[in-house]
Amino acid sequence: MTFTINAWLDKSTPELIVTEEDTGIIVASWVGRACDQLFQTGVVSLQELNQASKAGIKKLVKRLLLEYASEQMCITGIKDCPL
């Protein structure tokens, strides 16, 4: 599977989306405050988004997918999460 990261950070409501390239299916997305929080907590940085290294992008996609899965587990109650 190949993934694409699209980020619109200069919008009034910033967005970061991870899409499965072959199908176009969005597998993870953050909008507004949730997107800002990714940067504030260090999950992702502007430098990482701008890198051209395939290995670096692959690591970033993995980290974003794990973060998204963790967030979804908190939302559904599968995992206890701090407020």
Protein backbone atom coordinates (compact mmCIF):
# COMPACT_ATOMS: atom_id res chain seq x y z
CA MET A 1 0.00 0.00 0.00
CA THR A 2 1.13 3.48 -0.81
CA PHE A 3 -0.13 6.52 1.09
CA THR A 4 -0.21 10.23 0.35
CA ILE A 5 -0.14 12.97 2.97
CA ASN A 6 -1.99 16.15 2.04
CA ALA A 7 -1.78 19.14 4.34
CA TRP A 8 -3.51 22.48 4.05
CA LEU A 9 -2.02 24.32 6.98
CA ASP A 10 -2.47 27.89 5.78
CA LYS A 11 -6.28 27.64 5.66
CA SER A 12 -8.37 29.25 8.40
CA THR A 13 -9.20 25.68 9.44
CA PRO A 14 -6.04 23.62 8.84
CA GLU A 15 -6.32 20.04 7.59
CA LEU A 16 -4.02 17.04 7.36
CA ILE A 17 -5.24 13.95 5.49
CA VAL A 18 -3.65 10.56 4.84
CA THR A 19 -5.02 8.86 1.71
CA GLU A 20 -4.45 5.37 0.33
CA GLU A 21 -3.05 6.22 -3.08
CA ASP A 22 -4.47 3.38 -5.20
CA THR A 23 -8.08 3.68 -3.99
CA GLY A 24 -8.22 7.33 -2.92
CA ILE A 25 -9.74 6.29 0.40
CA ILE A 26 -9.05 8.66 3.29
CA VAL A 27 -7.59 6.53 6.08
CA ALA A 28 -6.90 9.31 8.59
CA SER A 29 -7.75 12.98 8.86
CA TRP A 30 -7.40 15.86 11.29
CA VAL A 31 -9.14 19.21 10.95
CA GLY A 32 -8.86 22.44 12.92
CA ARG A 33 -7.74 22.07 16.52
CA ALA A 34 -7.05 18.34 16.06
CA CYS A 35 -4.62 19.20 13.26
CA ASP A 36 -2.95 21.90 15.35
CA GLN A 37 -2.55 19.41 18.19
CA LEU A 38 -0.52 17.06 15.97
CA PHE A 39 2.11 19.78 15.65
CA GLN A 40 1.91 20.96 19.27
CA THR A 41 2.44 17.45 20.63
CA GLY A 42 5.27 16.68 18.20
CA VAL A 43 3.53 13.92 16.27
CA VAL A 44 4.45 15.77 13.08
CA SER A 45 6.52 18.82 12.14
CA LEU A 46 6.66 21.10 9.11
CA GLN A 47 10.19 19.86 8.44
CA GLU A 48 8.97 16.26 8.25
CA LEU A 49 6.15 17.18 5.87
CA ASN A 50 8.61 18.91 3.54
CA GLN A 51 11.14 16.10 3.35
CA ALA A 52 11.64 14.23 0.10
CA SER A 53 13.02 11.02 1.60
CA LYS A 54 10.76 8.03 0.98
CA ALA A 55 11.97 6.39 4.19
CA GLY A 56 11.18 9.53 6.18
CA ILE A 57 7.70 9.87 4.69
CA LYS A 58 7.06 6.18 5.34
CA LYS A 59 7.94 6.65 9.03
CA LEU A 60 5.72 9.72 9.22
CA VAL A 61 2.76 7.88 7.66
CA LYS A 62 3.24 5.03 10.12
CA ARG A 63 3.32 7.46 13.06
CA LEU A 64 0.21 9.29 11.80
CA LEU A 65 -1.73 6.04 11.32
CA LEU A 66 -0.79 4.87 14.81
CA GLU A 67 -1.85 8.23 16.27
CA TYR A 68 -5.16 8.06 14.42
CA ALA A 69 -5.80 4.50 15.61
CA SER A 70 -5.01 5.53 19.19
CA GLU A 71 -7.41 8.48 18.96
CA GLN A 72 -10.16 6.26 17.58
CA MET A 73 -9.63 3.78 20.43
CA CYS A 74 -10.09 6.62 22.93
CA ILE A 75 -13.26 7.83 21.20
CA THR A 76 -14.84 4.37 21.16
CA GLY A 77 -13.81 3.57 24.72
CA ILE A 78 -11.55 0.66 23.80
CA LYS A 79 -8.67 2.49 25.47
CA ASP A 80 -8.69 4.66 28.60
CA CYS A 81 -7.31 8.07 27.71
CA PRO A 82 -6.48 11.15 29.73
CA LEU A 83 -8.75 14.13 29.19
